[in-house]
């Protein structure tokens, strides 16, 4: 699976006029995709524990390309000083993807998480990640 949508577009550009809006679009698109496919994705994850071929497809064919693209995006925008520099871009990409995944999919298996309305889950995770990764002076310039 190659990067798609907003992430692919961001990787094709060397810079962004509004890094907060760019990151928000990437996060929302990923959240929406995860939300729409959560039941199938959970079934694949559970089945992958028993089927090594499925685990390989899940990890090599789906997760690795998205994580690689997200890592490249985060490190590129950090190098351009449009996103915060973090100790490790790959670890940050994993944190971003796992946080989105929990709010979009895994919250349904948590008694407290299941009570979070979808629009609240999306708004919360996107707002938190944007504010964690976009430097404060660029958020202020964008009105955030």
N, C-alpha and C. Protein backbone atom coordinates (compact mmCIF):
# COMPACT_ATOMS: atom_id res chain seq x y z
N UNK A 1 0.86 -1.17 0.00
CA UNK A 1 0.00 0.00 0.00
C UNK A 1 0.90 1.23 0.00
N UNK A 2 0.70 2.06 -0.95
CA UNK A 2 1.48 3.29 -1.03
C UNK A 2 0.73 4.40 -0.30
N UNK A 3 1.43 5.45 0.08
CA UNK A 3 0.74 6.58 0.72
C UNK A 3 -0.36 7.10 -0.20
N UNK A 4 -1.40 7.59 0.38
CA UNK A 4 -2.55 8.04 -0.38
C UNK A 4 -2.98 9.43 0.09
N UNK A 5 -3.84 10.03 -0.66
CA UNK A 5 -4.51 11.25 -0.26
C UNK A 5 -3.60 12.37 0.20
N UNK A 6 -3.96 12.94 1.33
CA UNK A 6 -3.25 14.10 1.85
C UNK A 6 -1.79 13.81 2.19
N UNK A 7 -1.51 12.62 2.69
CA UNK A 7 -0.12 12.27 3.02
C UNK A 7 0.71 12.20 1.75
N UNK A 8 0.20 11.56 0.72
CA UNK A 8 0.93 11.49 -0.56
C UNK A 8 1.14 12.89 -1.12
N UNK A 9 0.13 13.73 -1.04
CA UNK A 9 0.26 15.10 -1.53
C UNK A 9 1.31 15.88 -0.77
N UNK A 10 1.33 15.71 0.54
CA UNK A 10 2.31 16.42 1.37
C UNK A 10 3.73 15.96 1.05
N UNK A 11 3.89 14.66 0.82
CA UNK A 11 5.22 14.14 0.49
C UNK A 11 5.70 14.64 -0.87
N UNK A 12 4.77 14.99 -1.73
CA UNK A 12 5.14 15.48 -3.06
C UNK A 12 5.54 16.95 -3.06
N UNK A 13 5.27 17.63 -1.94
CA UNK A 13 5.61 19.06 -1.82
C UNK A 13 6.76 19.23 -0.85
N UNK A 14 7.69 20.11 -1.16
CA UNK A 14 8.82 20.31 -0.25
C UNK A 14 8.46 21.12 1.00
N UNK A 15 7.33 21.82 0.97
CA UNK A 15 6.98 22.68 2.08
C UNK A 15 5.46 22.82 2.16
N UNK A 16 5.01 23.56 3.15
CA UNK A 16 3.57 23.81 3.32
C UNK A 16 3.39 25.24 3.81
N UNK A 17 2.42 25.93 3.23
CA UNK A 17 2.11 27.28 3.68
C UNK A 17 1.49 27.29 5.08
N UNK A 18 0.70 26.25 5.36
CA UNK A 18 0.01 26.13 6.65
C UNK A 18 0.23 24.71 7.17
N UNK A 19 1.33 24.49 7.90
CA UNK A 19 1.63 23.13 8.36
C UNK A 19 0.58 22.55 9.30
N UNK A 20 -0.09 23.39 10.08
CA UNK A 20 -1.13 22.89 10.97
C UNK A 20 -2.30 22.33 10.17
N UNK A 21 -2.72 23.06 9.14
CA UNK A 21 -3.83 22.59 8.30
C UNK A 21 -3.43 21.34 7.53
N UNK A 22 -2.19 21.31 7.05
CA UNK A 22 -1.71 20.14 6.32
C UNK A 22 -1.73 18.91 7.22
N UNK A 23 -1.17 19.02 8.42
CA UNK A 23 -1.14 17.90 9.35
C UNK A 23 -2.55 17.50 9.74
N UNK A 24 -3.40 18.47 10.01
CA UNK A 24 -4.78 18.17 10.38
C UNK A 24 -5.48 17.36 9.29
N UNK A 25 -5.28 17.73 8.04
CA UNK A 25 -5.91 17.01 6.92
C UNK A 25 -5.42 15.56 6.86
N UNK A 26 -4.13 15.36 7.06
CA UNK A 26 -3.56 14.01 7.06
C UNK A 26 -4.15 13.19 8.20
N UNK A 27 -4.21 13.77 9.38
CA UNK A 27 -4.72 13.05 10.55
C UNK A 27 -6.20 12.73 10.40
N UNK A 28 -7.00 13.69 9.95
CA UNK A 28 -8.44 13.45 9.78
C UNK A 28 -8.70 12.36 8.74
N UNK A 29 -7.98 12.42 7.63
CA UNK A 29 -8.17 11.42 6.59
C UNK A 29 -7.84 10.02 7.11
N UNK A 30 -6.76 9.91 7.86
CA UNK A 30 -6.37 8.62 8.42
C UNK A 30 -7.39 8.15 9.44
N UNK A 31 -7.85 9.05 10.30
CA UNK A 31 -8.87 8.71 11.29
C UNK A 31 -10.13 8.20 10.61
N UNK A 32 -10.58 8.91 9.59
CA UNK A 32 -11.81 8.52 8.88
C UNK A 32 -11.66 7.15 8.24
N UNK A 33 -10.53 6.90 7.60
CA UNK A 33 -10.29 5.59 6.99
C UNK A 33 -10.31 4.50 8.05
N UNK A 34 -9.61 4.73 9.15
CA UNK A 34 -9.59 3.74 10.24
C UNK A 34 -10.99 3.53 10.82
N UNK A 35 -11.75 4.60 10.95
CA UNK A 35 -13.11 4.49 11.50
C UNK A 35 -14.03 3.68 10.61
N UNK A 36 -13.90 3.89 9.31
CA UNK A 36 -14.79 3.20 8.36
C UNK A 36 -14.46 1.72 8.21
N UNK A 37 -13.24 1.34 8.54
CA UNK A 37 -12.81 -0.04 8.32
C UNK A 37 -12.49 -0.78 9.62
N UNK A 38 -12.94 -0.26 10.75
CA UNK A 38 -12.47 -0.80 12.02
C UNK A 38 -12.84 -2.25 12.24
N UNK A 39 -14.03 -2.67 11.86
CA UNK A 39 -14.42 -4.06 12.10
C UNK A 39 -13.58 -5.02 11.25
N UNK A 40 -13.40 -4.72 9.98
CA UNK A 40 -12.59 -5.56 9.11
C UNK A 40 -11.13 -5.55 9.56
N UNK A 41 -10.61 -4.39 9.91
CA UNK A 41 -9.22 -4.29 10.36
C UNK A 41 -9.00 -5.08 11.64
N UNK A 42 -9.94 -5.03 12.57
CA UNK A 42 -9.81 -5.80 13.80
C UNK A 42 -9.83 -7.30 13.51
N UNK A 43 -10.69 -7.72 12.58
CA UNK A 43 -10.76 -9.13 12.22
C UNK A 43 -9.44 -9.59 11.59
N UNK A 44 -8.88 -8.76 10.73
CA UNK A 44 -7.59 -9.10 10.10
C UNK A 44 -6.50 -9.19 11.15
N UNK A 45 -6.47 -8.24 12.09
CA UNK A 45 -5.45 -8.28 13.15
C UNK A 45 -5.57 -9.54 14.00
N UNK A 46 -6.80 -9.91 14.35
CA UNK A 46 -6.99 -11.13 15.16
C UNK A 46 -6.58 -12.37 14.38
N UNK A 47 -6.93 -12.43 13.11
CA UNK A 47 -6.60 -13.58 12.27
C UNK A 47 -5.10 -13.66 12.00
N UNK A 48 -4.43 -12.53 11.95
CA UNK A 48 -3.00 -12.50 11.67
C UNK A 48 -2.20 -13.20 12.76
N UNK A 49 -2.75 -13.29 13.95
CA UNK A 49 -2.05 -13.99 15.04
C UNK A 49 -1.88 -15.47 14.72
N UNK A 50 -2.80 -16.03 13.95
CA UNK A 50 -2.78 -17.45 13.63
C UNK A 50 -2.26 -17.75 12.23
N UNK A 51 -2.25 -16.74 11.37
CA UNK A 51 -1.86 -16.94 9.97
C UNK A 51 -0.65 -16.06 9.64
N UNK A 52 0.54 -16.65 9.61
CA UNK A 52 1.76 -15.86 9.36
C UNK A 52 1.71 -15.09 8.04
N UNK A 53 1.08 -15.66 7.02
CA UNK A 53 0.99 -14.97 5.73
C UNK A 53 0.17 -13.69 5.85
N UNK A 54 -0.88 -13.76 6.61
CA UNK A 54 -1.73 -12.59 6.82
C UNK A 54 -0.99 -11.55 7.66
N UNK A 55 -0.25 -12.02 8.65
CA UNK A 55 0.54 -11.09 9.47
C UNK A 55 1.57 -10.38 8.61
N UNK A 56 2.20 -11.11 7.69
CA UNK A 56 3.18 -10.49 6.80
C UNK A 56 2.53 -9.46 5.89
N UNK A 57 1.37 -9.79 5.35
CA UNK A 57 0.64 -8.84 4.51
C UNK A 57 0.26 -7.60 5.31
N UNK A 58 -0.23 -7.81 6.51
CA UNK A 58 -0.64 -6.69 7.36
C UNK A 58 0.54 -5.79 7.67
N UNK A 59 1.66 -6.39 8.04
CA UNK A 59 2.81 -5.58 8.45
C UNK A 59 3.60 -5.04 7.27
N UNK A 60 3.92 -5.88 6.32
CA UNK A 60 4.75 -5.44 5.19
C UNK A 60 3.95 -4.69 4.13
N UNK A 61 2.75 -5.14 3.88
CA UNK A 61 1.96 -4.56 2.81
C UNK A 61 1.14 -3.34 3.20
N UNK A 62 0.81 -3.23 4.47
CA UNK A 62 -0.06 -2.13 4.91
C UNK A 62 0.64 -1.19 5.89
N UNK A 63 1.03 -1.71 7.03
CA UNK A 63 1.57 -0.84 8.07
C UNK A 63 2.91 -0.22 7.71
N UNK A 64 3.85 -1.03 7.24
CA UNK A 64 5.19 -0.52 6.97
C UNK A 64 5.19 0.63 5.97
N UNK A 65 4.48 0.52 4.84
CA UNK A 65 4.48 1.65 3.89
C UNK A 65 3.87 2.93 4.47
N UNK A 66 2.81 2.78 5.25
CA UNK A 66 2.19 3.97 5.86
C UNK A 66 3.13 4.57 6.90
N UNK A 67 3.72 3.72 7.74
CA UNK A 67 4.65 4.23 8.74
C UNK A 67 5.88 4.86 8.09
N UNK A 68 6.38 4.28 7.03
CA UNK A 68 7.53 4.85 6.32
C UNK A 68 7.18 6.22 5.74
N UNK A 69 6.01 6.32 5.13
CA UNK A 69 5.59 7.59 4.55
C UNK A 69 5.37 8.63 5.65
N UNK A 70 4.75 8.24 6.74
CA UNK A 70 4.51 9.17 7.83
C UNK A 70 5.83 9.60 8.47
N UNK A 71 6.78 8.68 8.59
CA UNK A 71 8.10 9.01 9.11
C UNK A 71 8.79 10.02 8.20
N UNK A 72 8.75 9.78 6.90
CA UNK A 72 9.37 10.71 5.94
C UNK A 72 8.71 12.08 6.01
N UNK A 73 7.40 12.11 6.13
CA UNK A 73 6.68 13.38 6.25
C UNK A 73 7.11 14.13 7.51
N UNK A 74 7.07 13.45 8.64
CA UNK A 74 7.42 14.10 9.91
C UNK A 74 8.86 14.59 9.92
N UNK A 75 9.78 13.78 9.44
CA UNK A 75 11.18 14.20 9.46
C UNK A 75 11.42 15.32 8.45
N UNK A 76 10.78 15.27 7.30
CA UNK A 76 10.93 16.34 6.31
C UNK A 76 10.39 17.67 6.79
N UNK A 77 9.21 17.63 7.39
CA UNK A 77 8.62 18.88 7.89
C UNK A 77 9.37 19.39 9.12
N UNK A 78 9.93 18.49 9.92
CA UNK A 78 10.75 18.93 11.06
C UNK A 78 12.04 19.58 10.55
N UNK A 79 12.65 18.99 9.53
CA UNK A 79 13.87 19.58 8.95
C UNK A 79 13.60 20.96 8.38
N UNK A 80 12.39 21.17 7.87
CA UNK A 80 11.99 22.48 7.33
C UNK A 80 11.48 23.41 8.43
N UNK A 81 11.50 22.92 9.66
CA UNK A 81 11.05 23.67 10.84
C UNK A 81 9.56 24.01 10.79
N UNK A 82 8.79 23.14 10.13
CA UNK A 82 7.34 23.32 10.05
C UNK A 82 6.62 22.45 11.07
N UNK A 83 7.30 21.41 11.54
CA UNK A 83 6.81 20.58 12.64
C UNK A 83 7.92 20.49 13.67
N UNK A 84 7.54 20.15 14.91
CA UNK A 84 8.53 20.01 15.96
C UNK A 84 9.47 18.85 15.65
N UNK A 85 10.71 19.03 15.99
CA UNK A 85 11.67 17.95 15.91
C UNK A 85 11.45 17.07 17.14
N UNK A 86 11.39 15.77 16.94
CA UNK A 86 11.19 14.84 18.05
C UNK A 86 12.43 13.95 18.16
N UNK A 87 12.58 13.23 19.25
CA UNK A 87 13.78 12.39 19.40
C UNK A 87 13.96 11.38 18.27
N UNK A 88 12.84 10.87 17.71
CA UNK A 88 12.93 9.88 16.65
C UNK A 88 11.66 9.95 15.80
N UNK A 89 11.82 10.28 14.53
CA UNK A 89 10.66 10.45 13.65
C UNK A 89 9.89 9.15 13.48
N UNK A 90 10.57 8.02 13.40
CA UNK A 90 9.88 6.74 13.23
C UNK A 90 9.04 6.40 14.47
N UNK A 91 9.59 6.65 15.64
CA UNK A 91 8.83 6.40 16.87
C UNK A 91 7.64 7.35 16.96
N UNK A 92 7.84 8.58 16.52
CA UNK A 92 6.74 9.55 16.52
C UNK A 92 5.66 9.13 15.53
N UNK A 93 6.07 8.63 14.37
CA UNK A 93 5.09 8.15 13.39
C UNK A 93 4.27 7.01 13.98
N UNK A 94 4.91 6.11 14.70
CA UNK A 94 4.20 5.01 15.35
C UNK A 94 3.24 5.54 16.39
N UNK A 95 3.69 6.50 17.19
CA UNK A 95 2.83 7.11 18.20
C UNK A 95 1.59 7.73 17.55
N UNK A 96 1.79 8.47 16.48
CA UNK A 96 0.68 9.11 15.77
C UNK A 96 -0.29 8.07 15.26
N UNK A 97 0.22 7.06 14.56
CA UNK A 97 -0.66 6.05 13.98
C UNK A 97 -1.39 5.24 15.05
N UNK A 98 -0.69 4.85 16.10
CA UNK A 98 -1.33 4.08 17.17
C UNK A 98 -2.37 4.90 17.92
N UNK A 99 -2.10 6.18 18.12
CA UNK A 99 -3.07 7.05 18.80
C UNK A 99 -4.32 7.20 17.95
N UNK A 100 -4.13 7.45 16.66
CA UNK A 100 -5.27 7.52 15.75
C UNK A 100 -6.05 6.21 15.74
N UNK A 101 -5.33 5.09 15.71
CA UNK A 101 -5.97 3.78 15.66
C UNK A 101 -6.77 3.52 16.93
N UNK A 102 -6.23 3.89 18.07
CA UNK A 102 -6.99 3.65 19.31
C UNK A 102 -8.30 4.45 19.27
N UNK A 103 -8.23 5.72 18.94
CA UNK A 103 -9.44 6.54 18.95
C UNK A 103 -10.41 6.16 17.84
N UNK A 104 -9.92 5.70 16.70
CA UNK A 104 -10.79 5.35 15.58
C UNK A 104 -11.35 3.93 15.69
N UNK A 105 -10.55 3.00 16.29
CA UNK A 105 -10.95 1.60 16.27
C UNK A 105 -10.97 0.93 17.63
N UNK A 106 -9.90 1.01 18.36
CA UNK A 106 -9.76 0.21 19.58
C UNK A 106 -10.59 0.74 20.74
N UNK A 107 -11.07 1.97 20.64
CA UNK A 107 -11.88 2.48 21.75
C UNK A 107 -13.16 1.66 21.93
N UNK A 108 -13.60 0.99 20.87
CA UNK A 108 -14.83 0.21 20.95
C UNK A 108 -14.71 -1.00 21.86
N UNK A 109 -13.50 -1.47 22.12
CA UNK A 109 -13.30 -2.61 23.02
C UNK A 109 -12.98 -2.18 24.45
N UNK A 110 -13.07 -0.90 24.71
CA UNK A 110 -12.81 -0.35 26.04
C UNK A 110 -14.12 0.25 26.55
N UNK A 111 -14.57 -0.16 27.75
CA UNK A 111 -15.87 0.33 28.22
C UNK A 111 -15.96 1.86 28.29
N UNK A 112 -14.88 2.52 28.64
CA UNK A 112 -14.91 3.98 28.71
C UNK A 112 -14.72 4.58 27.32
N UNK A 113 -13.86 3.97 26.53
CA UNK A 113 -13.61 4.46 25.18
C UNK A 113 -14.83 4.36 24.29
N UNK A 114 -15.61 3.29 24.45
CA UNK A 114 -16.79 3.09 23.61
C UNK A 114 -17.82 4.20 23.83
N UNK A 115 -17.77 4.82 24.98
CA UNK A 115 -18.72 5.90 25.28
C UNK A 115 -18.34 7.22 24.62
N UNK A 116 -17.15 7.30 24.06
CA UNK A 116 -16.71 8.54 23.41
C UNK A 116 -17.38 8.60 22.03
N UNK A 117 -18.12 9.65 21.80
CA UNK A 117 -18.80 9.82 20.51
C UNK A 117 -17.76 9.95 19.39
N UNK A 118 -18.09 9.45 18.20
CA UNK A 118 -17.12 9.49 17.09
C UNK A 118 -16.58 10.89 16.80
N UNK A 119 -17.44 11.89 16.79
CA UNK A 119 -16.98 13.25 16.48
C UNK A 119 -16.08 13.80 17.59
N UNK A 120 -16.33 13.39 18.82
CA UNK A 120 -15.47 13.81 19.93
C UNK A 120 -14.12 13.10 19.85
N UNK A 121 -14.14 11.81 19.52
CA UNK A 121 -12.90 11.06 19.36
C UNK A 121 -12.04 11.69 18.28
N UNK A 122 -12.62 11.97 17.13
CA UNK A 122 -11.87 12.57 16.02
C UNK A 122 -11.33 13.94 16.40
N UNK A 123 -12.18 14.80 16.94
CA UNK A 123 -11.74 16.15 17.29
C UNK A 123 -10.64 16.12 18.34
N UNK A 124 -10.76 15.24 19.31
CA UNK A 124 -9.79 15.17 20.40
C UNK A 124 -8.43 14.70 19.91
N UNK A 125 -8.40 13.60 19.16
CA UNK A 125 -7.11 13.06 18.72
C UNK A 125 -6.43 13.99 17.72
N UNK A 126 -7.19 14.59 16.81
CA UNK A 126 -6.59 15.49 15.83
C UNK A 126 -6.07 16.74 16.52
N UNK A 127 -6.85 17.35 17.37
CA UNK A 127 -6.43 18.55 18.08
C UNK A 127 -5.18 18.29 18.91
N UNK A 128 -5.16 17.19 19.64
CA UNK A 128 -4.02 16.87 20.50
C UNK A 128 -2.75 16.65 19.70
N UNK A 129 -2.84 15.88 18.62
CA UNK A 129 -1.65 15.60 17.82
C UNK A 129 -1.15 16.84 17.08
N UNK A 130 -2.06 17.64 16.56
CA UNK A 130 -1.63 18.87 15.89
C UNK A 130 -0.91 19.77 16.88
N UNK A 131 -1.47 19.94 18.07
CA UNK A 131 -0.84 20.82 19.06
C UNK A 131 0.46 20.23 19.60
N UNK A 132 0.61 18.92 19.56
CA UNK A 132 1.85 18.29 20.01
C UNK A 132 2.96 18.44 18.98
N UNK A 133 2.61 18.51 17.70
CA UNK A 133 3.63 18.45 16.65
C UNK A 133 3.90 19.77 15.93
N UNK A 134 2.97 20.68 15.93
CA UNK A 134 3.19 21.96 15.25
C UNK A 134 3.76 22.95 16.25
N UNK A 135 4.87 23.60 15.93
CA UNK A 135 5.44 24.59 16.86
C UNK A 135 4.42 25.67 17.21
N UNK A 136 4.48 26.12 18.45
CA UNK A 136 3.50 27.08 18.96
C UNK A 136 3.43 28.35 18.10
N UNK A 137 4.56 28.85 17.64
CA UNK A 137 4.53 30.09 16.86
C UNK A 137 3.81 29.90 15.53
N UNK A 138 3.84 28.68 14.97
CA UNK A 138 3.11 28.43 13.72
C UNK A 138 1.63 28.19 13.99
N UNK A 139 1.31 27.63 15.15
CA UNK A 139 -0.11 27.51 15.52
C UNK A 139 -0.72 28.89 15.72
N UNK A 140 0.01 29.75 16.41
CA UNK A 140 -0.50 31.11 16.65
C UNK A 140 -0.69 31.87 15.35
N UNK A 141 0.22 31.66 14.41
CA UNK A 141 0.12 32.34 13.10
C UNK A 141 -1.08 31.85 12.33
N UNK A 142 -1.46 30.58 12.54
CA UNK A 142 -2.59 29.99 11.83
C UNK A 142 -3.90 30.21 12.59
N UNK A 143 -3.82 30.84 13.76
CA UNK A 143 -5.03 31.08 14.55
C UNK A 143 -5.40 29.92 15.43
N UNK A 144 -4.44 28.99 15.70
CA UNK A 144 -4.74 27.81 16.52
C UNK A 144 -4.25 27.99 17.89
